[in-house]
Every structure is written in C-alpha cells, then in structure tokens.
C-alpha cells in the first residue's frame, strides 16, 4: 500500500506541475468526468467522479478526500509505475509526464 500511495502522489505531483492545477482546472476535470459518466455509465466512472470531486475539495481545503476514491488512486499509481503518466496511454499527451518516472 505504501508504494502504491508513493507512486500515486509522485504521479499526481508530476501531472499537477505540468498542467498548472488550479481550482478552475479541477472544476473542469470534475465536469469532464461527469460528462464521461453520462456518456458511458459505469462504476469506474463513478470512482473517477469521486476522485475529481476530492481533488477539487483538496484544492479548496487541503483535505485529501481524493484518496477515498481508492480504485482511481490505484489506477493512477499503476499507470505511473508502468509508463510514467497517470493518464491512460490513449490520453497521455507525452509532453511532461515522461520527464519523471517512479525511479527519479
């Protein structure tokens, strides 16, 4: 669990540094996740919505509720460990996340 959380935190840090995480960007991420759920409802999308809402809440309060969305936290951790990006290989832009991997 500790390694998984470390990979998650490192991956999210890399992503946030590259994408200038703001309250607005977190709001957009949340609305995007809701849109994905409306298009293709699934349990996975519900976890992604909870994660995005938690990230917005964290940005506003400093309370890391995003960690409660364990399936999404685990997914991002595994992706970062495997190929250096929290996003799916299909959606990774390759412009920043590849600059830092788990070992660096």
PDB file of N, CA and C in Angstrom:
ATOM      1  N   UNK A   1       0.824  -1.200   0.000  1.00  0.00           N
ATOM      2  CA  UNK A   1       0.000   0.000   0.000  1.00  0.00           C
ATOM      3  C   UNK A   1       0.865   1.260   0.000  1.00  0.00           C
ATOM      4  N   UNK A   2       1.955   1.250   0.766  1.00  0.00           N
ATOM      5  CA  UNK A   2       2.811   2.416   0.852  1.00  0.00           C
ATOM      6  C   UNK A   2       3.413   2.769  -0.508  1.00  0.00           C
ATOM      7  N   UNK A   3       3.909   1.757  -1.239  1.00  0.00           N
ATOM      8  CA  UNK A   3       4.492   2.004  -2.562  1.00  0.00           C
ATOM      9  C   UNK A   3       3.428   2.530  -3.514  1.00  0.00           C
ATOM     10  N   UNK A   4       2.231   1.966  -3.426  1.00  0.00           N
ATOM     11  CA  UNK A   4       1.142   2.415  -4.274  1.00  0.00           C
ATOM     12  C   UNK A   4       0.835   3.887  -4.016  1.00  0.00           C
ATOM     13  N   UNK A   5       0.769   4.280  -2.758  1.00  0.00           N
ATOM     14  CA  UNK A   5       0.486   5.665  -2.412  1.00  0.00           C
ATOM     15  C   UNK A   5       1.627   6.588  -2.843  1.00  0.00           C
ATOM     16  N   UNK A   6       2.861   6.135  -2.689  1.00  0.00           N
ATOM     17  CA  UNK A   6       4.007   6.937  -3.138  1.00  0.00           C
ATOM     18  C   UNK A   6       3.956   7.166  -4.645  1.00  0.00           C
ATOM     19  N   UNK A   7       3.670   6.108  -5.406  1.00  0.00           N
ATOM     20  CA  UNK A   7       3.571   6.244  -6.862  1.00  0.00           C
ATOM     21  C   UNK A   7       2.437   7.195  -7.241  1.00  0.00           C
ATOM     22  N   UNK A   8       1.322   7.082  -6.542  1.00  0.00           N
ATOM     23  CA  UNK A   8       0.181   7.960  -6.804  1.00  0.00           C
ATOM     24  C   UNK A   8       0.566   9.417  -6.548  1.00  0.00           C
ATOM     25  N   UNK A   9       1.141   9.683  -5.378  1.00  0.00           N
ATOM     26  CA  UNK A   9       1.491  11.056  -5.027  1.00  0.00           C
ATOM     27  C   UNK A   9       2.517  11.640  -5.987  1.00  0.00           C
ATOM     28  N   UNK A  10       3.494  10.840  -6.371  1.00  0.00           N
ATOM     29  CA  UNK A  10       4.511  11.309  -7.308  1.00  0.00           C
ATOM     30  C   UNK A  10       3.893  11.576  -8.680  1.00  0.00           C
ATOM     31  N   UNK A  11       3.062  10.652  -9.135  1.00  0.00           N
ATOM     32  CA  UNK A  11       2.408  10.823 -10.429  1.00  0.00           C
ATOM     33  C   UNK A  11       1.499  12.037 -10.464  1.00  0.00           C
ATOM     34  N   UNK A  12       0.735  12.246  -9.407  1.00  0.00           N
ATOM     35  CA  UNK A  12      -0.153  13.407  -9.359  1.00  0.00           C
ATOM     36  C   UNK A  12       0.653  14.698  -9.284  1.00  0.00           C
ATOM     37  N   UNK A  13       1.762  14.678  -8.571  1.00  0.00           N
ATOM     38  CA  UNK A  13       2.617  15.857  -8.481  1.00  0.00           C
ATOM     39  C   UNK A  13       3.183  16.224  -9.849  1.00  0.00           C
ATOM     40  N   UNK A  14       3.658  15.216 -10.577  1.00  0.00           N
ATOM     41  CA  UNK A  14       4.186  15.456 -11.926  1.00  0.00           C
ATOM     42  C   UNK A  14       3.085  16.032 -12.811  1.00  0.00           C
ATOM     43  N   UNK A  15       1.917  15.417 -12.760  1.00  0.00           N
ATOM     44  CA  UNK A  15       0.797  15.872 -13.583  1.00  0.00           C
ATOM     45  C   UNK A  15       0.405  17.307 -13.225  1.00  0.00           C
ATOM     46  N   UNK A  16       0.289  17.599 -11.926  1.00  0.00           N
ATOM     47  CA  UNK A  16      -0.105  18.940 -11.493  1.00  0.00           C
ATOM     48  C   UNK A  16       0.940  19.984 -11.853  1.00  0.00           C
ATOM     49  N   UNK A  17       2.219  19.644 -11.728  1.00  0.00           N
ATOM     50  CA  UNK A  17       3.278  20.586 -12.095  1.00  0.00           C
ATOM     51  C   UNK A  17       3.215  20.923 -13.577  1.00  0.00           C
ATOM     52  N   UNK A  18       2.891  19.939 -14.377  1.00  0.00           N
ATOM     53  CA  UNK A  18       2.847  20.124 -15.822  1.00  0.00           C
ATOM     54  C   UNK A  18       1.574  20.849 -16.270  1.00  0.00           C
ATOM     55  N   UNK A  19       0.484  20.594 -15.603  1.00  0.00           N
ATOM     56  CA  UNK A  19      -0.806  21.112 -16.054  1.00  0.00           C
ATOM     57  C   UNK A  19      -1.354  22.253 -15.202  1.00  0.00           C
ATOM     58  N   UNK A  20      -0.526  22.850 -14.371  1.00  0.00           N
ATOM     59  CA  UNK A  20      -0.905  24.023 -13.590  1.00  0.00           C
ATOM     60  C   UNK A  20      -2.262  23.839 -12.908  1.00  0.00           C
ATOM     61  N   UNK A  21      -2.284  22.973 -11.932  1.00  0.00           N
ATOM     62  CA  UNK A  21      -3.512  22.645 -11.208  1.00  0.00           C
ATOM     63  C   UNK A  21      -4.071  23.871 -10.485  1.00  0.00           C
ATOM     64  N   UNK A  22      -5.282  24.241 -10.847  1.00  0.00           N
ATOM     65  CA  UNK A  22      -5.980  25.369 -10.232  1.00  0.00           C
ATOM     66  C   UNK A  22      -7.381  24.910  -9.830  1.00  0.00           C
ATOM     67  N   UNK A  23      -8.083  25.745  -9.089  1.00  0.00           N
ATOM     68  CA  UNK A  23      -9.471  25.428  -8.751  1.00  0.00           C
ATOM     69  C   UNK A  23     -10.271  25.272 -10.040  1.00  0.00           C
ATOM     70  N   UNK A  24     -10.050  26.164 -10.979  1.00  0.00           N
ATOM     71  CA  UNK A  24     -10.774  26.081 -12.260  1.00  0.00           C
ATOM     72  C   UNK A  24     -10.455  24.788 -12.999  1.00  0.00           C
ATOM     73  N   UNK A  25      -9.182  24.420 -13.072  1.00  0.00           N
ATOM     74  CA  UNK A  25      -8.826  23.188 -13.789  1.00  0.00           C
ATOM     75  C   UNK A  25      -9.417  21.961 -13.095  1.00  0.00           C
ATOM     76  N   UNK A  26      -9.501  21.997 -11.769  1.00  0.00           N
ATOM     77  CA  UNK A  26     -10.103  20.880 -11.042  1.00  0.00           C
ATOM     78  C   UNK A  26     -11.613  20.829 -11.288  1.00  0.00           C
ATOM     79  N   UNK A  27     -12.239  22.001 -11.396  1.00  0.00           N
ATOM     80  CA  UNK A  27     -13.666  22.051 -11.716  1.00  0.00           C
ATOM     81  C   UNK A  27     -13.912  21.484 -13.120  1.00  0.00           C
ATOM     82  N   UNK A  28     -13.081  21.876 -14.066  1.00  0.00           N
ATOM     83  CA  UNK A  28     -13.206  21.362 -15.436  1.00  0.00           C
ATOM     84  C   UNK A  28     -13.015  19.848 -15.448  1.00  0.00           C
ATOM     85  N   UNK A  29     -12.035  19.354 -14.699  1.00  0.00           N
ATOM     86  CA  UNK A  29     -11.801  17.906 -14.630  1.00  0.00           C
ATOM     87  C   UNK A  29     -13.035  17.190 -14.074  1.00  0.00           C
ATOM     88  N   UNK A  30     -13.654  17.768 -13.057  1.00  0.00           N
ATOM     89  CA  UNK A  30     -14.855  17.167 -12.476  1.00  0.00           C
ATOM     90  C   UNK A  30     -15.998  17.145 -13.489  1.00  0.00           C
ATOM     91  N   UNK A  31     -16.224  18.255 -14.171  1.00  0.00           N
ATOM     92  CA  UNK A  31     -17.313  18.280 -15.156  1.00  0.00           C
ATOM     93  C   UNK A  31     -17.027  17.339 -16.319  1.00  0.00           C
ATOM     94  N   UNK A  32     -15.757  17.195 -16.695  1.00  0.00           N
ATOM     95  CA  UNK A  32     -15.392  16.228 -17.743  1.00  0.00           C
ATOM     96  C   UNK A  32     -15.724  14.803 -17.303  1.00  0.00           C
ATOM     97  N   UNK A  33     -15.408  14.474 -16.057  1.00  0.00           N
ATOM     98  CA  UNK A  33     -15.692  13.128 -15.543  1.00  0.00           C
ATOM     99  C   UNK A  33     -17.197  12.865 -15.492  1.00  0.00           C
ATOM    100  N   UNK A  34     -17.952  13.872 -15.112  1.00  0.00           N
ATOM    101  CA  UNK A  34     -19.411  13.712 -15.096  1.00  0.00           C
ATOM    102  C   UNK A  34     -19.920  13.471 -16.516  1.00  0.00           C
ATOM    103  N   UNK A  35     -19.373  14.210 -17.472  1.00  0.00           N
ATOM    104  CA  UNK A  35     -19.748  14.011 -18.871  1.00  0.00           C
ATOM    105  C   UNK A  35     -19.423  12.612 -19.362  1.00  0.00           C
ATOM    106  N   UNK A  36     -18.262  12.088 -18.957  1.00  0.00           N
ATOM    107  CA  UNK A  36     -17.891  10.725 -19.340  1.00  0.00           C
ATOM    108  C   UNK A  36     -18.869   9.716 -18.748  1.00  0.00           C
ATOM    109  N   UNK A  37     -19.292   9.958 -17.507  1.00  0.00           N
ATOM    110  CA  UNK A  37     -20.254   9.053 -16.876  1.00  0.00           C
ATOM    111  C   UNK A  37     -21.602   9.094 -17.598  1.00  0.00           C
ATOM    112  N   UNK A  38     -22.044  10.285 -17.971  1.00  0.00           N
ATOM    113  CA  UNK A  38     -23.321  10.414 -18.675  1.00  0.00           C
ATOM    114  C   UNK A  38     -23.260   9.671 -20.008  1.00  0.00           C
ATOM    115  N   UNK A  39     -22.117   9.770 -20.693  1.00  0.00           N
ATOM    116  CA  UNK A  39     -21.947   9.096 -21.987  1.00  0.00           C
ATOM    117  C   UNK A  39     -21.868   7.585 -21.847  1.00  0.00           C
ATOM    118  N   UNK A  40     -21.112   7.133 -20.842  1.00  0.00           N
ATOM    119  CA  UNK A  40     -20.911   5.693 -20.634  1.00  0.00           C
ATOM    120  C   UNK A  40     -20.925   5.389 -19.132  1.00  0.00           C
ATOM    121  N   UNK A  41     -22.111   5.249 -18.561  1.00  0.00           N
ATOM    122  CA  UNK A  41     -22.201   4.998 -17.115  1.00  0.00           C
ATOM    123  C   UNK A  41     -21.498   3.697 -16.704  1.00  0.00           C
ATOM    124  N   UNK A  42     -20.700   3.784 -15.646  1.00  0.00           N
ATOM    125  CA  UNK A  42     -20.030   2.603 -15.101  1.00  0.00           C
ATOM    126  C   UNK A  42     -19.561   2.912 -13.686  1.00  0.00           C
ATOM    127  N   UNK A  43     -19.279   1.868 -12.942  1.00  0.00           N
ATOM    128  CA  UNK A  43     -18.752   2.040 -11.592  1.00  0.00           C
ATOM    129  C   UNK A  43     -17.394   2.737 -11.628  1.00  0.00           C
ATOM    130  N   UNK A  44     -16.588   2.404 -12.611  1.00  0.00           N
ATOM    131  CA  UNK A  44     -15.273   3.034 -12.762  1.00  0.00           C
ATOM    132  C   UNK A  44     -15.403   4.551 -12.929  1.00  0.00           C
ATOM    133  N   UNK A  45     -16.376   4.974 -13.717  1.00  0.00           N
ATOM    134  CA  UNK A  45     -16.586   6.416 -13.911  1.00  0.00           C
ATOM    135  C   UNK A  45     -17.079   7.081 -12.630  1.00  0.00           C
ATOM    136  N   UNK A  46     -17.853   6.369 -11.827  1.00  0.00           N
ATOM    137  CA  UNK A  46     -18.286   6.933 -10.541  1.00  0.00           C
ATOM    138  C   UNK A  46     -17.076   7.177  -9.646  1.00  0.00           C
ATOM    139  N   UNK A  47     -16.148   6.215  -9.604  1.00  0.00           N
ATOM    140  CA  UNK A  47     -14.922   6.406  -8.812  1.00  0.00           C
ATOM    141  C   UNK A  47     -14.120   7.581  -9.351  1.00  0.00           C
ATOM    142  N   UNK A  48     -14.071   7.735 -10.676  1.00  0.00           N
ATOM    143  CA  UNK A  48     -13.347   8.864 -11.267  1.00  0.00           C
ATOM    144  C   UNK A  48     -13.998  10.196 -10.884  1.00  0.00           C
ATOM    145  N   UNK A  49     -15.326  10.226 -10.839  1.00  0.00           N
ATOM    146  CA  UNK A  49     -16.031  11.439 -10.409  1.00  0.00           C
ATOM    147  C   UNK A  49     -15.702  11.750  -8.950  1.00  0.00           C
ATOM    148  N   UNK A  50     -15.748  10.741  -8.096  1.00  0.00           N
ATOM    149  CA  UNK A  50     -15.420  10.951  -6.679  1.00  0.00           C
ATOM    150  C   UNK A  50     -13.983  11.429  -6.509  1.00  0.00           C
ATOM    151  N   UNK A  51     -13.077  10.880  -7.303  1.00  0.00           N
ATOM    152  CA  UNK A  51     -11.675  11.300  -7.250  1.00  0.00           C
ATOM    153  C   UNK A  51     -11.545  12.762  -7.677  1.00  0.00           C
ATOM    154  N   UNK A  52     -12.192  13.122  -8.775  1.00  0.00           N
ATOM    155  CA  UNK A  52     -12.116  14.503  -9.259  1.00  0.00           C
ATOM    156  C   UNK A  52     -12.746  15.471  -8.252  1.00  0.00           C
ATOM    157  N   UNK A  53     -13.869  15.084  -7.663  1.00  0.00           N
ATOM    158  CA  UNK A  53     -14.500  15.929  -6.643  1.00  0.00           C
ATOM    159  C   UNK A  53     -13.584  16.064  -5.427  1.00  0.00           C
ATOM    160  N   UNK A  54     -12.934  14.975  -5.059  1.00  0.00           N
ATOM    161  CA  UNK A  54     -11.992  15.010  -3.945  1.00  0.00           C
ATOM    162  C   UNK A  54     -10.793  15.893  -4.226  1.00  0.00           C
ATOM    163  N   UNK A  55     -10.320  15.873  -5.468  1.00  0.00           N
ATOM    164  CA  UNK A  55      -9.189  16.745  -5.835  1.00  0.00           C
ATOM    165  C   UNK A  55      -9.603  18.216  -5.781  1.00  0.00           C
ATOM    166  N   UNK A  56     -10.807  18.516  -6.213  1.00  0.00           N
ATOM    167  CA  UNK A  56     -11.309  19.886  -6.117  1.00  0.00           C
ATOM    168  C   UNK A  56     -11.430  20.293  -4.645  1.00  0.00           C
ATOM    169  N   UNK A  57     -11.989  19.415  -3.829  1.00  0.00           N
ATOM    170  CA  UNK A  57     -12.121  19.685  -2.397  1.00  0.00           C
ATOM    171  C   UNK A  57     -10.747  19.896  -1.763  1.00  0.00           C
ATOM    172  N   UNK A  58      -9.772  19.079  -2.160  1.00  0.00           N
ATOM    173  CA  UNK A  58      -8.404  19.218  -1.646  1.00  0.00           C
ATOM    174  C   UNK A  58      -7.818  20.577  -2.032  1.00  0.00           C
ATOM    175  N   UNK A  59      -8.049  20.981  -3.266  1.00  0.00           N
ATOM    176  CA  UNK A  59      -7.530  22.272  -3.734  1.00  0.00           C
ATOM    177  C   UNK A  59      -8.135  23.417  -2.917  1.00  0.00           C
ATOM    178  N   UNK A  60      -9.390  23.268  -2.528  1.00  0.00           N
ATOM    179  CA  UNK A  60     -10.074  24.322  -1.776  1.00  0.00           C
ATOM    180  C   UNK A  60      -9.761  24.305  -0.282  1.00  0.00           C
ATOM    181  N   UNK A  61      -9.546  23.102   0.290  1.00  0.00           N
ATOM    182  CA  UNK A  61      -9.450  22.989   1.750  1.00  0.00           C
ATOM    183  C   UNK A  61      -8.149  22.391   2.277  1.00  0.00           C
ATOM    184  N   UNK A  62      -7.426  21.670   1.428  1.00  0.00           N
ATOM    185  CA  UNK A  62      -6.233  20.971   1.889  1.00  0.00           C
ATOM    186  C   UNK A  62      -6.528  19.603   2.484  1.00  0.00           C
ATOM    187  N   UNK A  63      -7.790  19.190   2.477  1.00  0.00           N
ATOM    188  CA  UNK A  63      -8.187  17.876   2.992  1.00  0.00           C
ATOM    189  C   UNK A  63      -8.221  16.896   1.813  1.00  0.00           C
ATOM    190  N   UNK A  64      -7.383  15.853   1.843  1.00  0.00           N
ATOM    191  CA  UNK A  64      -7.230  14.963   0.680  1.00  0.00           C
ATOM    192  C   UNK A  64      -8.334  13.902   0.540  1.00  0.00           C
ATOM    193  N   UNK A  65      -9.562  14.349   0.314  1.00  0.00           N
ATOM    194  CA  UNK A  65     -10.666  13.402   0.142  1.00  0.00           C
ATOM    195  C   UNK A  65     -10.516  12.564  -1.123  1.00  0.00           C
ATOM    196  N   UNK A  66      -9.708  13.017  -2.060  1.00  0.00           N
ATOM    197  CA  UNK A  66      -9.488  12.254  -3.292  1.00  0.00           C
ATOM    198  C   UNK A  66      -8.944  10.859  -2.998  1.00  0.00           C
ATOM    199  N   UNK A  67      -8.250  10.696  -1.882  1.00  0.00           N
ATOM    200  CA  UNK A  67      -7.680   9.390  -1.545  1.00  0.00           C
ATOM    201  C   UNK A  67      -8.753   8.358  -1.215  1.00  0.00           C
ATOM    202  N   UNK A  68      -9.968   8.805  -0.928  1.00  0.00           N
ATOM    203  CA  UNK A  68     -11.060   7.873  -0.655  1.00  0.00           C
ATOM    204  C   UNK A  68     -11.512   7.137  -1.918  1.00  0.00           C
ATOM    205  N   UNK A  69     -11.201   7.675  -3.074  1.00  0.00           N
ATOM    206  CA  UNK A  69     -11.558   7.035  -4.347  1.00  0.00           C
ATOM    207  C   UNK A  69     -10.465   6.025  -4.699  1.00  0.00           C
ATOM    208  N   UNK A  70     -10.329   5.022  -3.837  1.00  0.00           N
ATOM    209  CA  UNK A  70      -9.220   4.066  -3.932  1.00  0.00           C
ATOM    210  C   UNK A  70      -9.045   3.426  -5.314  1.00  0.00           C
ATOM    211  N   UNK A  71     -10.093   2.992  -5.988  1.00  0.00           N
ATOM    212  CA  UNK A  71      -9.863   2.382  -7.310  1.00  0.00           C
ATOM    213  C   UNK A  71      -9.177   3.326  -8.300  1.00  0.00           C
ATOM    214  N   UNK A  72      -9.524   4.600  -8.265  1.00  0.00           N
ATOM    215  CA  UNK A  72      -8.882   5.563  -9.162  1.00  0.00           C
ATOM    216  C   UNK A  72      -7.468   5.865  -8.692  1.00  0.00           C
ATOM    217  N   UNK A  73      -7.262   5.972  -7.393  1.00  0.00           N
ATOM    218  CA  UNK A  73      -5.911   6.176  -6.852  1.00  0.00           C
ATOM    219  C   UNK A  73      -5.007   5.025  -7.289  1.00  0.00           C
ATOM    220  N   UNK A  74      -5.488   3.791  -7.143  1.00  0.00           N
ATOM    221  CA  UNK A  74      -4.714   2.611  -7.543  1.00  0.00           C
ATOM    222  C   UNK A  74      -4.431   2.623  -9.048  1.00  0.00           C
ATOM    223  N   UNK A  75      -5.433   2.985  -9.844  1.00  0.00           N
ATOM    224  CA  UNK A  75      -5.278   3.036 -11.300  1.00  0.00           C
ATOM    225  C   UNK A  75      -4.191   4.038 -11.694  1.00  0.00           C
ATOM    226  N   UNK A  76      -4.235   5.242 -11.116  1.00  0.00           N
ATOM    227  CA  UNK A  76      -3.224   6.255 -11.430  1.00  0.00           C
ATOM    228  C   UNK A  76      -1.831   5.808 -10.979  1.00  0.00           C
ATOM    229  N   UNK A  77      -1.756   5.188  -9.813  1.00  0.00           N
ATOM    230  CA  UNK A  77      -0.481   4.685  -9.306  1.00  0.00           C
ATOM    231  C   UNK A  77       0.114   3.645 -10.245  1.00  0.00           C
ATOM    232  N   UNK A  78      -0.705   2.697 -10.672  1.00  0.00           N
ATOM    233  CA  UNK A  78      -0.226   1.643 -11.576  1.00  0.00           C
ATOM    234  C   UNK A  78       0.226   2.222 -12.908  1.00  0.00           C
ATOM    235  N   UNK A  79      -0.531   3.144 -13.448  1.00  0.00           N
ATOM    236  CA  UNK A  79      -0.146   3.763 -14.722  1.00  0.00           C
ATOM    237  C   UNK A  79       1.184   4.488 -14.585  1.00  0.00           C
ATOM    238  N   UNK A  80       1.332   5.251 -13.497  1.00  0.00           N
ATOM    239  CA  UNK A  80       2.576   5.997 -13.317  1.00  0.00           C
ATOM    240  C   UNK A  80       3.757   5.050 -13.177  1.00  0.00           C
ATOM    241  N   UNK A  81       3.563   3.964 -12.453  1.00  0.00           N
ATOM    242  CA  UNK A  81       4.637   2.986 -12.287  1.00  0.00           C
ATOM    243  C   UNK A  81       4.974   2.310 -13.616  1.00  0.00           C
ATOM    244  N   UNK A  82       3.976   1.999 -14.416  1.00  0.00           N
ATOM    245  CA  UNK A  82       4.193   1.282 -15.672  1.00  0.00           C
ATOM    246  C   UNK A  82       4.816   2.142 -16.763  1.00  0.00           C
ATOM    247  N   UNK A  83       4.307   3.376 -16.948  1.00  0.00           N
ATOM    248  CA  UNK A  83       4.810   4.156 -18.087  1.00  0.00           C
ATOM    249  C   UNK A  83       4.992   5.646 -17.815  1.00  0.00           C
ATOM    250  N   UNK A  84       4.997   6.038 -16.550  1.00  0.00           N
ATOM    251  CA  UNK A  84       5.376   7.397 -16.197  1.00  0.00           C
ATOM    252  C   UNK A  84       4.314   8.457 -16.388  1.00  0.00           C
ATOM    253  N   UNK A  85       3.044   8.046 -16.493  1.00  0.00           N
ATOM    254  CA  UNK A  85       1.957   9.005 -16.652  1.00  0.00           C
ATOM    255  C   UNK A  85       0.727   8.462 -15.938  1.00  0.00           C
ATOM    256  N   UNK A  86      -0.027   9.334 -15.282  1.00  0.00           N
ATOM    257  CA  UNK A  86      -1.242   8.894 -14.595  1.00  0.00           C
ATOM    258  C   UNK A  86      -2.394   8.673 -15.561  1.00  0.00           C
ATOM    259  N   UNK A  87      -2.301   9.255 -16.737  1.00  0.00           N
ATOM    260  CA  UNK A  87      -3.383   9.139 -17.719  1.00  0.00           C
ATOM    261  C   UNK A  87      -3.248   7.842 -18.501  1.00  0.00           C
ATOM    262  N   UNK A  88      -4.317   7.431 -19.133  1.00  0.00           N
ATOM    263  CA  UNK A  88      -4.258   6.240 -19.976  1.00  0.00           C
ATOM    264  C   UNK A  88      -3.287   6.504 -21.123  1.00  0.00           C
ATOM    265  N   UNK A  89      -2.726   5.455 -21.675  1.00  0.00           N
ATOM    266  CA  UNK A  89      -1.794   5.641 -22.790  1.00  0.00           C
ATOM    267  C   UNK A  89      -2.480   6.336 -23.953  1.00  0.00           C
ATOM    268  N   UNK A  90      -3.759   6.089 -24.119  1.00  0.00           N
ATOM    269  CA  UNK A  90      -4.519   6.737 -25.188  1.00  0.00           C
ATOM    270  C   UNK A  90      -4.604   8.248 -24.971  1.00  0.00           C
ATOM    271  N   UNK A  91      -4.711   8.686 -23.718  1.00  0.00           N
ATOM    272  CA  UNK A  91      -4.905  10.105 -23.419  1.00  0.00           C
ATOM    273  C   UNK A  91      -3.647  10.846 -22.987  1.00  0.00           C
ATOM    274  N   UNK A  92      -2.552  10.132 -22.756  1.00  0.00           N
ATOM    275  CA  UNK A  92      -1.311  10.795 -22.339  1.00  0.00           C
ATOM    276  C   UNK A  92      -0.785  11.644 -23.492  1.00  0.00           C
ATOM    277  N   UNK A  93      -0.525  12.908 -23.194  1.00  0.00           N
ATOM    278  CA  UNK A  93      -0.021  13.828 -24.206  1.00  0.00           C
ATOM    279  C   UNK A  93       1.476  13.677 -24.419  1.00  0.00           C
ATOM    280  N   UNK A  94       2.166  13.069 -23.473  1.00  0.00           N
ATOM    281  CA  UNK A  94       3.594  12.816 -23.601  1.00  0.00           C
ATOM    282  C   UNK A  94       4.476  14.040 -23.496  1.00  0.00           C
ATOM    283  N   UNK A  95       3.910  15.186 -23.117  1.00  0.00           N
ATOM    284  CA  UNK A  95       4.714  16.403 -23.095  1.00  0.00           C
ATOM    285  C   UNK A  95       5.401  16.661 -21.764  1.00  0.00           C
ATOM    286  N   UNK A  96       4.903  16.068 -20.690  1.00  0.00           N
ATOM    287  CA  UNK A  96       5.505  16.387 -19.398  1.00  0.00           C
ATOM    288  C   UNK A  96       5.678  15.178 -18.501  1.00  0.00           C
ATOM    289  N   UNK A  97       4.729  14.304 -18.509  1.00  0.00           N
ATOM    290  CA  UNK A  97       4.756  13.195 -17.559  1.00  0.00           C
ATOM    291  C   UNK A  97       5.925  12.261 -17.809  1.00  0.00           C
ATOM    292  N   UNK A  98       6.402  12.194 -19.006  1.00  0.00           N
ATOM    293  CA  UNK A  98       7.524  11.318 -19.332  1.00  0.00           C
ATOM    294  C   UNK A  98       8.844  11.865 -18.771  1.00  0.00           C
ATOM    295  N   UNK A  99       8.833  13.107 -18.302  1.00  0.00           N
ATOM    296  CA  UNK A  99      10.054  13.715 -17.775  1.00  0.00           C
ATOM    297  C   UNK A  99      10.484  13.102 -16.450  1.00  0.00           C
ATOM    298  N   UNK A 100       9.559  12.501 -15.730  1.00  0.00           N
ATOM    299  CA  UNK A 100       9.858  11.947 -14.413  1.00  0.00           C
ATOM    300  C   UNK A 100       9.178  10.601 -14.288  1.00  0.00           C
ATOM    301  N   UNK A 101       9.908   9.624 -13.814  1.00  0.00           N
ATOM    302  CA  UNK A 101       9.325   8.308 -13.616  1.00  0.00           C
ATOM    303  C   UNK A 101       9.400   7.950 -12.141  1.00  0.00           C
ATOM    304  N   UNK A 102       8.937   6.791 -11.807  1.00  0.00           N
ATOM    305  CA  UNK A 102       8.924   6.334 -10.419  1.00  0.00           C
ATOM    306  C   UNK A 102      10.325   6.345  -9.827  1.00  0.00           C
ATOM    307  N   UNK A 103      11.330   5.966 -10.609  1.00  0.00           N
ATOM    308  CA  UNK A 103      12.697   5.845 -10.101  1.00  0.00           C
ATOM    309  C   UNK A 103      13.417   7.175  -9.947  1.00  0.00           C
ATOM    310  N   UNK A 104      12.913   8.253 -10.553  1.00  0.00           N
ATOM    311  CA  UNK A 104      13.652   9.518 -10.454  1.00  0.00           C
ATOM    312  C   UNK A 104      13.199  10.357  -9.298  1.00  0.00           C
TER     313      UNK A 104
END
